[in-house]
């Protein structure tokens, strides 16, 4: 490959990217070869009974930031876990103003001044109360004085919680 030209290398890389981004073949013996449950089948191929839970996502925010995330947990581990440990994180999301804050921050509003200008976020004192609750639960981080962001490893999880709560 020492004699390989730049054009050859680029062509080879483009082929690899096309292969990685292309559709995944579905085994013909699967009754749902339409790929509806492609993620589920991949999970089942890797995990024995009683199974597991997997969430994953690829998200580009309006600001152009791109996040990819995947997390899985064995069903036994989840069922045996102390669910009360999740109360703080879930409780922090259980308020309309905090959900609005997360949405605004994911859409690009990052400073307390930008957030305070939104009519649905209450007084400055209320705003700080909600921001601090989200920071304490790990859904937000303070990146500088008066600036907030959703940590990269929390973008897909918060969107997953919202998707799971839809009926």
N, C-alpha and C. Protein backbone atom coordinates (compact mmCIF):
# COMPACT_ATOMS: atom_id res chain seq x y z
N UNK A 1 0.80 -1.20 0.00
CA UNK A 1 0.00 0.00 0.00
C UNK A 1 0.85 1.26 0.00
N UNK A 2 2.15 1.11 0.04
CA UNK A 2 3.03 2.27 0.03
C UNK A 2 2.94 3.02 -1.29
N UNK A 3 2.62 2.29 -2.38
CA UNK A 3 2.53 2.92 -3.70
C UNK A 3 1.13 3.46 -3.98
N UNK A 4 0.24 3.32 -3.03
CA UNK A 4 -1.14 3.74 -3.20
C UNK A 4 -1.23 5.27 -3.30
N UNK A 5 -1.99 5.75 -4.27
CA UNK A 5 -2.14 7.20 -4.44
C UNK A 5 -3.20 7.71 -3.48
N UNK A 6 -3.21 9.01 -3.32
CA UNK A 6 -4.22 9.63 -2.47
C UNK A 6 -5.62 9.34 -3.00
N UNK A 7 -5.78 9.37 -4.30
CA UNK A 7 -7.09 9.09 -4.91
C UNK A 7 -7.52 7.66 -4.61
N UNK A 8 -6.57 6.71 -4.65
CA UNK A 8 -6.90 5.32 -4.32
C UNK A 8 -7.33 5.19 -2.87
N UNK A 9 -6.60 5.88 -1.99
CA UNK A 9 -6.93 5.82 -0.57
C UNK A 9 -8.30 6.41 -0.29
N UNK A 10 -8.60 7.55 -0.92
CA UNK A 10 -9.91 8.19 -0.73
C UNK A 10 -11.01 7.28 -1.26
N UNK A 11 -10.80 6.67 -2.43
CA UNK A 11 -11.80 5.77 -3.00
C UNK A 11 -12.05 4.58 -2.07
N UNK A 12 -10.98 4.03 -1.50
CA UNK A 12 -11.12 2.91 -0.58
C UNK A 12 -11.88 3.32 0.68
N UNK A 13 -11.58 4.51 1.20
CA UNK A 13 -12.30 5.01 2.37
C UNK A 13 -13.77 5.26 2.06
N UNK A 14 -14.05 5.80 0.89
CA UNK A 14 -15.45 6.04 0.52
C UNK A 14 -16.22 4.73 0.42
N UNK A 15 -15.59 3.68 -0.09
CA UNK A 15 -16.24 2.37 -0.15
C UNK A 15 -16.54 1.85 1.26
N UNK A 16 -15.59 2.01 2.17
CA UNK A 16 -15.79 1.55 3.54
C UNK A 16 -16.93 2.31 4.21
N UNK A 17 -16.98 3.62 4.02
CA UNK A 17 -18.04 4.44 4.62
C UNK A 17 -19.39 4.03 4.03
N UNK A 18 -19.45 3.84 2.72
CA UNK A 18 -20.70 3.42 2.08
C UNK A 18 -21.16 2.08 2.64
N UNK A 19 -20.23 1.17 2.88
CA UNK A 19 -20.57 -0.13 3.44
C UNK A 19 -21.10 0.04 4.88
N UNK A 20 -20.44 0.87 5.68
CA UNK A 20 -20.85 1.08 7.06
C UNK A 20 -22.19 1.78 7.17
N UNK A 21 -22.47 2.70 6.27
CA UNK A 21 -23.71 3.47 6.34
C UNK A 21 -24.85 2.83 5.57
N UNK A 22 -24.55 1.83 4.78
CA UNK A 22 -25.58 1.19 3.96
C UNK A 22 -26.53 0.35 4.78
N UNK A 23 -27.61 -0.13 4.15
CA UNK A 23 -28.57 -0.96 4.87
C UNK A 23 -27.94 -2.28 5.31
N UNK A 24 -28.36 -2.74 6.46
CA UNK A 24 -27.87 -4.00 6.99
C UNK A 24 -28.71 -5.14 6.42
N UNK A 25 -28.08 -6.20 5.94
CA UNK A 25 -28.87 -7.33 5.44
C UNK A 25 -29.59 -8.03 6.58
N UNK A 26 -30.81 -8.48 6.30
CA UNK A 26 -31.60 -9.19 7.29
C UNK A 26 -31.61 -10.66 6.88
N UNK A 27 -31.29 -11.57 7.80
CA UNK A 27 -31.31 -12.99 7.45
C UNK A 27 -32.67 -13.40 6.90
N UNK A 28 -32.67 -14.20 5.85
CA UNK A 28 -33.91 -14.61 5.18
C UNK A 28 -34.81 -15.44 6.08
N UNK A 29 -34.24 -16.07 7.11
CA UNK A 29 -35.06 -16.92 7.97
C UNK A 29 -35.84 -16.13 9.01
N UNK A 30 -35.66 -14.84 9.06
CA UNK A 30 -36.41 -14.00 10.00
C UNK A 30 -37.78 -13.72 9.41
N UNK A 31 -38.85 -13.95 10.20
CA UNK A 31 -40.19 -13.72 9.67
C UNK A 31 -40.48 -12.24 9.39
N UNK A 32 -39.75 -11.34 10.01
CA UNK A 32 -40.01 -9.91 9.81
C UNK A 32 -38.84 -9.28 9.04
N UNK A 33 -38.56 -9.82 7.90
CA UNK A 33 -37.41 -9.36 7.11
C UNK A 33 -37.57 -7.91 6.65
N UNK A 34 -38.64 -7.24 7.04
CA UNK A 34 -38.82 -5.84 6.67
C UNK A 34 -37.99 -4.90 7.54
N UNK A 35 -37.23 -5.41 8.47
CA UNK A 35 -36.32 -4.67 9.32
C UNK A 35 -37.02 -3.80 10.37
N UNK A 36 -38.28 -4.02 10.64
CA UNK A 36 -38.98 -3.24 11.65
C UNK A 36 -38.29 -3.33 13.00
N UNK A 37 -37.85 -4.51 13.37
CA UNK A 37 -37.24 -4.73 14.68
C UNK A 37 -35.75 -5.04 14.57
N UNK A 38 -35.04 -4.34 13.72
CA UNK A 38 -33.61 -4.62 13.52
C UNK A 38 -32.80 -4.46 14.80
N UNK A 39 -33.09 -3.46 15.61
CA UNK A 39 -32.34 -3.26 16.86
C UNK A 39 -32.68 -4.37 17.85
N UNK A 40 -33.94 -4.75 17.93
CA UNK A 40 -34.37 -5.80 18.83
C UNK A 40 -33.69 -7.12 18.48
N UNK A 41 -33.65 -7.44 17.19
CA UNK A 41 -33.02 -8.69 16.77
C UNK A 41 -31.52 -8.68 17.07
N UNK A 42 -30.88 -7.55 16.88
CA UNK A 42 -29.46 -7.46 17.22
C UNK A 42 -29.23 -7.68 18.70
N UNK A 43 -30.11 -7.13 19.53
CA UNK A 43 -30.01 -7.32 20.98
C UNK A 43 -30.21 -8.78 21.34
N UNK A 44 -31.25 -9.39 20.78
CA UNK A 44 -31.55 -10.79 21.09
C UNK A 44 -30.43 -11.73 20.64
N UNK A 45 -29.75 -11.37 19.55
CA UNK A 45 -28.63 -12.18 19.07
C UNK A 45 -27.45 -12.15 20.03
N UNK A 46 -27.37 -11.09 20.86
CA UNK A 46 -26.21 -10.90 21.74
C UNK A 46 -26.46 -11.25 23.20
N UNK A 47 -27.73 -11.31 23.60
CA UNK A 47 -28.04 -11.45 25.03
C UNK A 47 -28.98 -12.64 25.24
N UNK A 48 -28.64 -13.46 26.23
CA UNK A 48 -29.47 -14.61 26.56
C UNK A 48 -30.69 -14.18 27.39
N UNK A 49 -31.64 -15.08 27.53
CA UNK A 49 -32.81 -14.83 28.38
C UNK A 49 -32.36 -14.61 29.82
N UNK A 50 -32.97 -13.80 30.59
CA UNK A 50 -34.27 -13.18 30.37
C UNK A 50 -34.22 -11.89 29.56
N UNK A 51 -33.09 -11.57 28.96
CA UNK A 51 -33.05 -10.45 28.05
C UNK A 51 -32.38 -9.20 28.60
N UNK A 52 -32.58 -8.12 27.89
CA UNK A 52 -31.94 -6.86 28.22
C UNK A 52 -32.75 -5.72 27.64
N UNK A 53 -32.39 -4.53 28.06
CA UNK A 53 -32.99 -3.30 27.56
C UNK A 53 -31.88 -2.49 26.91
N UNK A 54 -32.16 -1.94 25.76
CA UNK A 54 -31.17 -1.17 25.03
C UNK A 54 -31.80 0.12 24.54
N UNK A 55 -31.08 1.23 24.71
CA UNK A 55 -31.50 2.44 24.02
C UNK A 55 -30.29 3.04 23.34
N UNK A 56 -30.57 3.63 22.21
CA UNK A 56 -29.50 4.16 21.39
C UNK A 56 -30.05 5.32 20.57
N UNK A 57 -29.17 6.19 20.14
CA UNK A 57 -29.62 7.30 19.32
C UNK A 57 -28.48 8.03 18.67
N UNK A 58 -28.80 8.70 17.60
CA UNK A 58 -27.88 9.56 16.86
C UNK A 58 -28.64 10.86 16.64
N UNK A 59 -28.15 11.95 17.25
CA UNK A 59 -28.90 13.21 17.29
C UNK A 59 -28.01 14.37 16.88
N UNK A 60 -28.49 15.18 15.95
CA UNK A 60 -27.84 16.44 15.64
C UNK A 60 -28.77 17.55 16.11
N UNK A 61 -28.27 18.35 17.03
CA UNK A 61 -29.07 19.44 17.60
C UNK A 61 -29.12 20.62 16.64
N UNK A 62 -30.07 21.54 16.83
CA UNK A 62 -30.14 22.73 15.98
C UNK A 62 -28.83 23.53 15.95
N UNK A 63 -28.04 23.42 17.01
CA UNK A 63 -26.75 24.14 17.07
C UNK A 63 -25.68 23.48 16.21
N UNK A 64 -25.98 22.29 15.67
CA UNK A 64 -25.02 21.55 14.87
C UNK A 64 -24.24 20.51 15.65
N UNK A 65 -24.35 20.52 16.97
CA UNK A 65 -23.67 19.52 17.79
C UNK A 65 -24.28 18.15 17.49
N UNK A 66 -23.42 17.15 17.37
CA UNK A 66 -23.89 15.80 17.06
C UNK A 66 -23.50 14.86 18.19
N UNK A 67 -24.45 14.03 18.60
CA UNK A 67 -24.23 13.07 19.67
C UNK A 67 -24.72 11.71 19.24
N UNK A 68 -23.93 10.69 19.59
CA UNK A 68 -24.33 9.31 19.39
C UNK A 68 -24.14 8.60 20.72
N UNK A 69 -25.10 7.78 21.08
CA UNK A 69 -25.05 7.16 22.39
C UNK A 69 -25.77 5.83 22.36
N UNK A 70 -25.27 4.89 23.14
CA UNK A 70 -25.91 3.60 23.28
C UNK A 70 -25.70 3.13 24.71
N UNK A 71 -26.75 2.61 25.29
CA UNK A 71 -26.64 2.07 26.64
C UNK A 71 -27.54 0.85 26.74
N UNK A 72 -27.03 -0.19 27.34
CA UNK A 72 -27.81 -1.39 27.55
C UNK A 72 -27.69 -1.87 28.97
N UNK A 73 -28.71 -2.55 29.44
CA UNK A 73 -28.71 -3.12 30.79
C UNK A 73 -29.39 -4.48 30.73
N UNK A 74 -28.82 -5.44 31.45
CA UNK A 74 -29.44 -6.76 31.53
C UNK A 74 -30.73 -6.66 32.34
N UNK A 75 -31.75 -7.40 31.91
CA UNK A 75 -33.05 -7.36 32.58
C UNK A 75 -32.92 -7.77 34.04
N UNK A 76 -32.14 -8.82 34.32
CA UNK A 76 -31.97 -9.25 35.71
C UNK A 76 -31.41 -8.13 36.58
N UNK A 77 -30.39 -7.41 36.06
CA UNK A 77 -29.78 -6.32 36.82
C UNK A 77 -30.80 -5.23 37.11
N UNK A 78 -31.61 -4.88 36.12
CA UNK A 78 -32.61 -3.84 36.32
C UNK A 78 -33.68 -4.26 37.32
N UNK A 79 -34.14 -5.49 37.21
CA UNK A 79 -35.20 -5.96 38.10
C UNK A 79 -34.73 -6.13 39.54
N UNK A 80 -33.44 -6.40 39.73
CA UNK A 80 -32.89 -6.58 41.08
C UNK A 80 -32.37 -5.28 41.68
N UNK A 81 -32.24 -4.25 40.88
CA UNK A 81 -31.67 -2.98 41.31
C UNK A 81 -32.59 -2.27 42.30
N UNK A 82 -32.01 -1.33 43.04
CA UNK A 82 -32.78 -0.47 43.94
C UNK A 82 -33.29 0.72 43.11
N UNK A 83 -34.55 0.67 42.75
CA UNK A 83 -35.12 1.69 41.87
C UNK A 83 -35.19 3.05 42.53
N UNK A 84 -35.13 3.12 43.83
CA UNK A 84 -35.21 4.41 44.51
C UNK A 84 -34.00 5.29 44.15
N UNK A 85 -32.92 4.67 43.69
CA UNK A 85 -31.74 5.44 43.28
C UNK A 85 -32.03 6.31 42.06
N UNK A 86 -33.04 5.95 41.31
CA UNK A 86 -33.40 6.72 40.11
C UNK A 86 -34.34 7.90 40.43
N UNK A 87 -34.81 7.98 41.66
CA UNK A 87 -35.82 8.98 42.02
C UNK A 87 -35.34 10.40 41.79
N UNK A 88 -34.10 10.72 42.16
CA UNK A 88 -33.62 12.10 41.99
C UNK A 88 -33.57 12.49 40.51
N UNK A 89 -33.01 11.61 39.69
CA UNK A 89 -32.90 11.93 38.26
C UNK A 89 -34.27 12.04 37.61
N UNK A 90 -35.17 11.11 37.94
CA UNK A 90 -36.52 11.16 37.37
C UNK A 90 -37.31 12.33 37.93
N UNK A 91 -37.14 12.58 39.23
CA UNK A 91 -37.84 13.70 39.86
C UNK A 91 -37.44 15.04 39.26
N UNK A 92 -36.17 15.16 38.90
CA UNK A 92 -35.70 16.41 38.31
C UNK A 92 -36.38 16.67 36.97
N UNK A 93 -36.75 15.61 36.27
CA UNK A 93 -37.44 15.76 34.99
C UNK A 93 -38.94 15.97 35.15
N UNK A 94 -39.46 15.70 36.34
CA UNK A 94 -40.90 15.69 36.56
C UNK A 94 -41.47 17.07 36.85
N UNK A 95 -41.05 18.04 36.10
CA UNK A 95 -41.60 19.39 36.26
C UNK A 95 -41.62 20.06 34.89
N UNK A 96 -42.76 20.65 34.51
CA UNK A 96 -42.87 21.25 33.18
C UNK A 96 -41.82 22.33 32.90
N UNK A 97 -41.46 23.12 33.90
CA UNK A 97 -40.47 24.18 33.67
C UNK A 97 -39.10 23.57 33.42
N UNK A 98 -38.76 22.51 34.12
CA UNK A 98 -37.45 21.88 33.91
C UNK A 98 -37.38 21.21 32.54
N UNK A 99 -38.48 20.62 32.11
CA UNK A 99 -38.51 20.04 30.76
C UNK A 99 -38.38 21.13 29.71
N UNK A 100 -39.03 22.26 29.93
CA UNK A 100 -38.90 23.40 29.02
C UNK A 100 -37.47 23.91 29.00
N UNK A 101 -36.83 23.98 30.16
CA UNK A 101 -35.42 24.40 30.23
C UNK A 101 -34.53 23.48 29.40
N UNK A 102 -34.70 22.18 29.58
CA UNK A 102 -33.90 21.23 28.82
C UNK A 102 -34.12 21.40 27.32
N UNK A 103 -35.37 21.56 26.92
CA UNK A 103 -35.67 21.74 25.50
C UNK A 103 -35.01 23.01 24.96
N UNK A 104 -35.13 24.10 25.70
CA UNK A 104 -34.54 25.36 25.25
C UNK A 104 -33.01 25.26 25.15
N UNK A 105 -32.40 24.60 26.11
CA UNK A 105 -30.94 24.45 26.09
C UNK A 105 -30.51 23.55 24.94
N UNK A 106 -31.24 22.46 24.70
CA UNK A 106 -30.92 21.59 23.56
C UNK A 106 -31.11 22.31 22.23
N UNK A 107 -32.01 23.30 22.20
CA UNK A 107 -32.25 24.04 20.98
C UNK A 107 -31.32 25.24 20.83
N UNK A 108 -30.43 25.47 21.81
CA UNK A 108 -29.41 26.49 21.62
C UNK A 108 -29.34 27.60 22.64
N UNK A 109 -30.36 27.79 23.46
CA UNK A 109 -30.28 28.82 24.51
C UNK A 109 -29.36 28.29 25.60
N UNK A 110 -28.28 28.99 25.87
CA UNK A 110 -27.29 28.45 26.81
C UNK A 110 -27.05 29.33 28.03
N UNK A 111 -27.35 30.60 27.95
CA UNK A 111 -27.05 31.49 29.08
C UNK A 111 -28.31 31.74 29.90
N UNK A 112 -28.09 32.10 31.16
CA UNK A 112 -29.24 32.41 32.02
C UNK A 112 -30.00 33.61 31.46
N UNK A 113 -29.30 34.54 30.83
CA UNK A 113 -29.98 35.70 30.23
C UNK A 113 -30.92 35.25 29.11
N UNK A 114 -30.46 34.34 28.25
CA UNK A 114 -31.31 33.83 27.17
C UNK A 114 -32.50 33.07 27.74
N UNK A 115 -32.24 32.28 28.76
CA UNK A 115 -33.31 31.49 29.36
C UNK A 115 -34.31 32.36 30.11
N UNK A 116 -33.82 33.40 30.81
CA UNK A 116 -34.69 34.30 31.57
C UNK A 116 -35.62 35.09 30.65
N UNK A 117 -35.22 35.26 29.39
CA UNK A 117 -36.05 36.00 28.44
C UNK A 117 -37.28 35.19 28.01
N UNK A 118 -37.27 33.90 28.25
CA UNK A 118 -38.40 33.05 27.87
C UNK A 118 -39.51 33.25 28.88
N UNK A 119 -40.69 33.58 28.42
CA UNK A 119 -41.79 33.92 29.33
C UNK A 119 -42.29 32.75 30.17
N UNK A 120 -42.05 31.52 29.74
CA UNK A 120 -42.56 30.38 30.48
C UNK A 120 -41.65 29.87 31.58
N UNK A 121 -40.52 30.54 31.80
CA UNK A 121 -39.55 30.02 32.76
C UNK A 121 -39.57 30.73 34.10
N UNK A 122 -40.50 31.60 34.32
CA UNK A 122 -40.68 32.22 35.63
C UNK A 122 -39.66 33.29 35.96
N UNK A 123 -39.57 33.60 37.26
CA UNK A 123 -38.66 34.63 37.74
C UNK A 123 -37.23 34.12 37.71
N UNK A 124 -36.28 35.01 37.90
CA UNK A 124 -34.87 34.61 37.93
C UNK A 124 -34.61 33.62 39.06
N UNK A 125 -35.22 33.86 40.22
CA UNK A 125 -35.06 32.93 41.34
C UNK A 125 -35.60 31.55 41.02
N UNK A 126 -36.76 31.50 40.40
CA UNK A 126 -37.34 30.21 40.00
C UNK A 126 -36.47 29.54 38.95
N UNK A 127 -35.96 30.33 38.02
CA UNK A 127 -35.09 29.80 36.97
C UNK A 127 -33.87 29.12 37.59
N UNK A 128 -33.20 29.81 38.51
CA UNK A 128 -32.01 29.24 39.14
C UNK A 128 -32.35 28.00 39.95
N UNK A 129 -33.49 28.00 40.62
CA UNK A 129 -33.92 26.82 41.38
C UNK A 129 -34.00 25.61 40.44
N UNK A 130 -34.67 25.78 39.30
CA UNK A 130 -34.84 24.67 38.36
C UNK A 130 -33.52 24.27 37.71
N UNK A 131 -32.69 25.25 37.36
CA UNK A 131 -31.38 24.93 36.79
C UNK A 131 -30.54 24.12 37.77
N UNK A 132 -30.53 24.53 39.03
CA UNK A 132 -29.72 23.82 40.03
C UNK A 132 -30.24 22.40 40.26
N UNK A 133 -31.54 22.24 40.20
CA UNK A 133 -32.10 20.88 40.36
C UNK A 133 -31.66 19.97 39.21
N UNK A 134 -31.65 20.50 37.99
CA UNK A 134 -31.21 19.71 36.83
C UNK A 134 -29.71 19.43 36.87
N UNK A 135 -28.93 20.39 37.35
CA UNK A 135 -27.48 20.18 37.49
C UNK A 135 -27.22 19.10 38.54
N UNK A 136 -27.90 19.18 39.68
CA UNK A 136 -27.69 18.21 40.76
C UNK A 136 -28.03 16.79 40.32
N UNK A 137 -29.01 16.65 39.44
CA UNK A 137 -29.42 15.33 38.95
C UNK A 137 -28.58 14.86 37.77
N UNK A 138 -27.71 15.72 37.25
CA UNK A 138 -26.84 15.32 36.15
C UNK A 138 -27.40 15.55 34.76
N UNK A 139 -28.59 16.16 34.65
CA UNK A 139 -29.17 16.42 33.33
C UNK A 139 -28.56 17.66 32.68
N UNK A 140 -28.01 18.55 33.49
CA UNK A 140 -27.33 19.75 32.99
C UNK A 140 -25.98 19.86 33.65
N UNK A 141 -25.12 20.66 33.03
CA UNK A 141 -23.87 21.04 33.69
C UNK A 141 -23.67 22.52 33.42
N UNK A 142 -23.02 23.16 34.37
CA UNK A 142 -22.68 24.56 34.23
C UNK A 142 -21.32 24.62 33.57
N UNK A 143 -21.25 25.16 32.35
CA UNK A 143 -20.00 25.18 31.60
C UNK A 143 -19.17 26.41 31.91
N UNK A 144 -19.80 27.44 32.39
CA UNK A 144 -19.14 28.69 32.79
C UNK A 144 -20.17 29.46 33.59
N UNK A 145 -19.75 30.55 34.15
CA UNK A 145 -20.70 31.34 34.95
C UNK A 145 -21.90 31.75 34.10
N UNK A 146 -23.06 31.24 34.48
CA UNK A 146 -24.28 31.60 33.79
C UNK A 146 -24.51 30.89 32.47
N UNK A 147 -23.72 29.87 32.17
CA UNK A 147 -23.88 29.10 30.93
C UNK A 147 -24.14 27.64 31.28
N UNK A 148 -25.09 27.04 30.57
CA UNK A 148 -25.48 25.67 30.86
C UNK A 148 -25.53 24.86 29.57
N UNK A 149 -25.28 23.56 29.71
CA UNK A 149 -25.41 22.65 28.58
C UNK A 149 -25.85 21.29 29.10
N UNK A 150 -26.42 20.51 28.19
CA UNK A 150 -26.76 19.13 28.51
C UNK A 150 -25.50 18.32 28.21
N UNK A 151 -24.97 17.57 29.20
CA UNK A 151 -23.78 16.76 28.92
C UNK A 151 -24.03 15.82 27.74
N UNK A 152 -23.02 15.62 26.93
CA UNK A 152 -23.16 14.78 25.74
C UNK A 152 -23.72 13.40 26.02
N UNK A 153 -23.32 12.82 27.16
CA UNK A 153 -23.80 11.48 27.48
C UNK A 153 -25.21 11.48 28.07
N UNK A 154 -25.85 12.64 28.12
CA UNK A 154 -27.22 12.73 28.63
C UNK A 154 -28.22 13.17 27.55
N UNK A 155 -27.73 13.57 26.36
CA UNK A 155 -28.62 14.04 25.30
C UNK A 155 -29.57 12.93 24.86
N UNK A 156 -29.04 11.81 24.44
CA UNK A 156 -29.89 10.70 23.99
C UNK A 156 -30.73 10.15 25.14
N UNK A 157 -30.17 9.96 26.36
CA UNK A 157 -31.03 9.48 27.44
C UNK A 157 -32.23 10.38 27.74
N UNK A 158 -32.06 11.69 27.75
CA UNK A 158 -33.22 12.55 28.05
C UNK A 158 -34.24 12.46 26.92
N UNK A 159 -33.79 12.36 25.68
CA UNK A 159 -34.73 12.21 24.57
C UNK A 159 -35.40 10.84 24.63
N UNK A 160 -34.69 9.83 25.12
CA UNK A 160 -35.26 8.50 25.26
C UNK A 160 -36.35 8.48 26.33
N UNK A 161 -36.11 9.16 27.45
CA UNK A 161 -37.12 9.25 28.51
C UNK A 161 -38.37 9.94 27.96
N UNK A 162 -38.16 11.01 27.20
CA UNK A 162 -39.31 11.71 26.62
C UNK A 162 -40.06 10.82 25.62
N UNK A 163 -39.32 10.10 24.78
CA UNK A 163 -39.95 9.20 23.82
C UNK A 163 -40.72 8.10 24.53
N UNK A 164 -40.16 7.56 25.61
CA UNK A 164 -40.81 6.49 26.37
C UNK A 164 -42.08 6.97 27.08
N UNK A 165 -42.14 8.26 27.38
CA UNK A 165 -43.31 8.78 28.09
C UNK A 165 -44.48 9.09 27.17
N UNK A 166 -44.26 9.05 25.87
CA UNK A 166 -45.35 9.31 24.92
C UNK A 166 -46.32 8.14 24.93
N UNK A 167 -47.58 8.45 24.69
CA UNK A 167 -48.60 7.38 24.63
C UNK A 167 -49.11 7.23 23.24
